[in-house]
Amino acid sequence: MYVNPGELKKRIEIIQTVSVGQDSDGFPAPSEKKVVRKCFAKVTNTSGGEIARANSEFSEAKKRFMIRYSDAEINTDMTVRYKGKEYEIKYVNPYGEGKEYLEIWTNLTERV
């Protein structure tokens, strides 16, 4: 599987939400967002055919991010920040035979 490294040109951040414990009254303190990794990615929208094959809702905003592999752990408890929006990581896939790239499948995070 060939990936053109020149297509990795969109800046993204991988974010982890970290619990900071309890406040002085013993209640859970607000969590903090920590940047795990800043990198460049190839960003693509998931096609309608892929959404239909996965039996997903067409109304969900889905994106796929292709990044270079690193030893930093990336998992489904994290989010991707891209162009001021945050996307929930749904699936992380080592792309290809070697540890060269990671494919990250996401959904747009609901803002409340």
C-alpha atoms as a PDB file:
ATOM      1  CA  MET A   1       0.000   0.000   0.000  1.00  0.00           C
ATOM      2  CA  TYR A   2       1.534   3.240  -1.132  1.00  0.00           C
ATOM      3  CA  VAL A   3       1.032   6.520   0.704  1.00  0.00           C
ATOM      4  CA  ASN A   4       2.352   9.730  -0.820  1.00  0.00           C
ATOM      5  CA  PRO A   5       4.102  11.521   2.090  1.00  0.00           C
ATOM      6  CA  GLY A   6       3.390  14.851   0.367  1.00  0.00           C
ATOM      7  CA  GLU A   7      -0.318  14.362   1.123  1.00  0.00           C
ATOM      8  CA  LEU A   8       0.355  14.540   4.891  1.00  0.00           C
ATOM      9  CA  LYS A   9      -0.079  18.325   4.972  1.00  0.00           C
ATOM     10  CA  LYS A  10      -2.962  19.086   7.364  1.00  0.00           C
ATOM     11  CA  ARG A  11      -1.973  19.972  10.944  1.00  0.00           C
ATOM     12  CA  ILE A  12      -3.787  17.982  13.656  1.00  0.00           C
ATOM     13  CA  GLU A  13      -3.473  17.399  17.388  1.00  0.00           C
ATOM     14  CA  ILE A  14      -4.190  14.174  19.257  1.00  0.00           C
ATOM     15  CA  ILE A  15      -5.855  15.111  22.579  1.00  0.00           C
ATOM     16  CA  GLN A  16      -6.247  13.100  25.764  1.00  0.00           C
ATOM     17  CA  THR A  17      -8.663  14.150  28.514  1.00  0.00           C
ATOM     18  CA  VAL A  18      -6.942  13.809  31.885  1.00  0.00           C
ATOM     19  CA  SER A  19      -8.756  13.723  35.209  1.00  0.00           C
ATOM     20  CA  VAL A  20      -7.074  16.030  37.730  1.00  0.00           C
ATOM     21  CA  GLY A  21      -8.595  14.404  40.806  1.00  0.00           C
ATOM     22  CA  GLN A  22     -10.820  16.126  43.335  1.00  0.00           C
ATOM     23  CA  ASP A  23     -11.321  19.710  44.439  1.00  0.00           C
ATOM     24  CA  SER A  24     -10.997  20.847  48.075  1.00  0.00           C
ATOM     25  CA  ASP A  25     -14.577  19.721  48.840  1.00  0.00           C
ATOM     26  CA  GLY A  26     -13.988  16.186  47.527  1.00  0.00           C
ATOM     27  CA  PHE A  27     -15.951  16.613  44.295  1.00  0.00           C
ATOM     28  CA  PRO A  28     -14.436  15.571  40.966  1.00  0.00           C
ATOM     29  CA  ALA A  29     -12.433  18.458  39.534  1.00  0.00           C
ATOM     30  CA  PRO A  30     -12.913  19.446  35.894  1.00  0.00           C
ATOM     31  CA  SER A  31     -10.738  17.394  33.593  1.00  0.00           C
ATOM     32  CA  GLU A  32      -7.948  18.894  31.494  1.00  0.00           C
ATOM     33  CA  LYS A  33      -7.119  18.316  27.851  1.00  0.00           C
ATOM     34  CA  LYS A  34      -3.520  17.331  27.174  1.00  0.00           C
ATOM     35  CA  VAL A  35      -1.939  17.304  23.706  1.00  0.00           C
ATOM     36  CA  VAL A  36      -0.384  13.868  23.219  1.00  0.00           C
ATOM     37  CA  ARG A  37       0.935  14.511  19.726  1.00  0.00           C
ATOM     38  CA  LYS A  38       1.008  17.273  17.100  1.00  0.00           C
ATOM     39  CA  CYS A  39       1.551  16.030  13.581  1.00  0.00           C
ATOM     40  CA  PHE A  40       0.658  16.366   9.924  1.00  0.00           C
ATOM     41  CA  ALA A  41      -2.041  14.167   8.413  1.00  0.00           C
ATOM     42  CA  LYS A  42      -3.856  13.305   5.238  1.00  0.00           C
ATOM     43  CA  VAL A  43      -7.534  14.049   5.923  1.00  0.00           C
ATOM     44  CA  THR A  44     -10.356  12.414   3.977  1.00  0.00           C
ATOM     45  CA  ASN A  45     -14.100  12.237   4.463  1.00  0.00           C
ATOM     46  CA  THR A  46     -15.620   8.787   4.674  1.00  0.00           C
ATOM     47  CA  SER A  47     -17.513   8.010   1.478  1.00  0.00           C
ATOM     48  CA  GLY A  48     -21.220   7.161   1.405  1.00  0.00           C
ATOM     49  CA  GLY A  49     -20.441   3.614   0.286  1.00  0.00           C
ATOM     50  CA  GLU A  50     -18.148   3.041   3.272  1.00  0.00           C
ATOM     51  CA  ILE A  51     -20.809   4.402   5.636  1.00  0.00           C
ATOM     52  CA  ALA A  52     -23.471   2.121   4.100  1.00  0.00           C
ATOM     53  CA  ARG A  53     -21.199  -0.953   4.332  1.00  0.00           C
ATOM     54  CA  ALA A  54     -20.565  -0.170   8.026  1.00  0.00           C
ATOM     55  CA  ASN A  55     -24.327   0.217   8.699  1.00  0.00           C
ATOM     56  CA  SER A  56     -23.731   3.706  10.127  1.00  0.00           C
ATOM     57  CA  GLU A  57     -25.845   6.848  10.138  1.00  0.00           C
ATOM     58  CA  PHE A  58     -25.336   9.081   7.097  1.00  0.00           C
ATOM     59  CA  SER A  59     -25.887  12.153   9.287  1.00  0.00           C
ATOM     60  CA  GLU A  60     -22.688  11.531  11.277  1.00  0.00           C
ATOM     61  CA  ALA A  61     -19.661  13.554  10.191  1.00  0.00           C
ATOM     62  CA  LYS A  62     -16.877  11.015   9.744  1.00  0.00           C
ATOM     63  CA  LYS A  63     -13.258  11.691   8.856  1.00  0.00           C
ATOM     64  CA  ARG A  64     -10.237   9.513   8.335  1.00  0.00           C
ATOM     65  CA  PHE A  65      -6.785  10.774   9.333  1.00  0.00           C
ATOM     66  CA  MET A  66      -3.598   9.142   8.020  1.00  0.00           C
ATOM     67  CA  ILE A  67      -0.489   9.997  10.063  1.00  0.00           C
ATOM     68  CA  ARG A  68       3.066   8.746  10.353  1.00  0.00           C
ATOM     69  CA  TYR A  69       3.518   6.047  12.974  1.00  0.00           C
ATOM     70  CA  SER A  70       5.124   6.972  16.306  1.00  0.00           C
ATOM     71  CA  ASP A  71       5.618   5.267  19.646  1.00  0.00           C
ATOM     72  CA  ALA A  72       3.081   7.616  21.281  1.00  0.00           C
ATOM     73  CA  GLU A  73       0.047   5.516  22.209  1.00  0.00           C
ATOM     74  CA  ILE A  74      -3.111   6.566  20.390  1.00  0.00           C
ATOM     75  CA  ASN A  75      -6.383   4.915  21.406  1.00  0.00           C
ATOM     76  CA  THR A  76     -10.162   5.315  21.298  1.00  0.00           C
ATOM     77  CA  ASP A  77     -10.225   7.290  24.572  1.00  0.00           C
ATOM     78  CA  MET A  78      -8.639  10.236  22.742  1.00  0.00           C
ATOM     79  CA  THR A  79      -9.848  12.842  20.259  1.00  0.00           C
ATOM     80  CA  VAL A  80      -8.396  14.514  17.175  1.00  0.00           C
ATOM     81  CA  ARG A  81      -8.497  18.311  16.952  1.00  0.00           C
ATOM     82  CA  TYR A  82      -8.623  19.558  13.355  1.00  0.00           C
ATOM     83  CA  LYS A  83      -9.613  23.056  12.199  1.00  0.00           C
ATOM     84  CA  GLY A  84     -11.024  23.926  15.635  1.00  0.00           C
ATOM     85  CA  LYS A  85     -13.294  20.861  15.836  1.00  0.00           C
ATOM     86  CA  GLU A  86     -12.814  17.721  17.878  1.00  0.00           C
ATOM     87  CA  TYR A  87     -13.397  14.246  16.499  1.00  0.00           C
ATOM     88  CA  GLU A  88     -13.849  11.128  18.654  1.00  0.00           C
ATOM     89  CA  ILE A  89     -11.430   8.364  17.711  1.00  0.00           C
ATOM     90  CA  LYS A  90     -13.453   5.265  16.848  1.00  0.00           C
ATOM     91  CA  TYR A  91     -10.764   3.044  15.356  1.00  0.00           C
ATOM     92  CA  VAL A  92      -6.951   3.057  15.059  1.00  0.00           C
ATOM     93  CA  ASN A  93      -5.383   0.863  12.397  1.00  0.00           C
ATOM     94  CA  PRO A  94      -1.675   0.310  11.645  1.00  0.00           C
ATOM     95  CA  TYR A  95      -1.650   0.908   7.887  1.00  0.00           C
ATOM     96  CA  GLY A  96       0.330  -1.477   5.714  1.00  0.00           C
ATOM     97  CA  GLU A  97       2.861  -4.171   6.600  1.00  0.00           C
ATOM     98  CA  GLY A  98       5.423  -2.062   8.467  1.00  0.00           C
ATOM     99  CA  LYS A  99       5.055   0.502  11.206  1.00  0.00           C
ATOM    100  CA  GLU A 100       5.035   3.456   8.835  1.00  0.00           C
ATOM    101  CA  TYR A 101       1.536   4.932   9.093  1.00  0.00           C
ATOM    102  CA  LEU A 102      -1.544   4.910  11.320  1.00  0.00           C
ATOM    103  CA  GLU A 103      -5.080   5.260  10.007  1.00  0.00           C
ATOM    104  CA  ILE A 104      -7.477   6.912  12.480  1.00  0.00           C
ATOM    105  CA  TRP A 105     -11.254   6.730  11.913  1.00  0.00           C
ATOM    106  CA  THR A 106     -13.320   9.380  13.716  1.00  0.00           C
ATOM    107  CA  ASN A 107     -16.775  10.891  14.286  1.00  0.00           C
ATOM    108  CA  LEU A 108     -17.417  14.555  14.981  1.00  0.00           C
ATOM    109  CA  THR A 109     -17.784  15.076  18.747  1.00  0.00           C
ATOM    110  CA  GLU A 110     -21.183  16.342  19.866  1.00  0.00           C
ATOM    111  CA  ARG A 111     -20.993  19.762  21.558  1.00  0.00           C
ATOM    112  CA  VAL A 112     -23.442  20.263  24.430  1.00  0.00           C
END
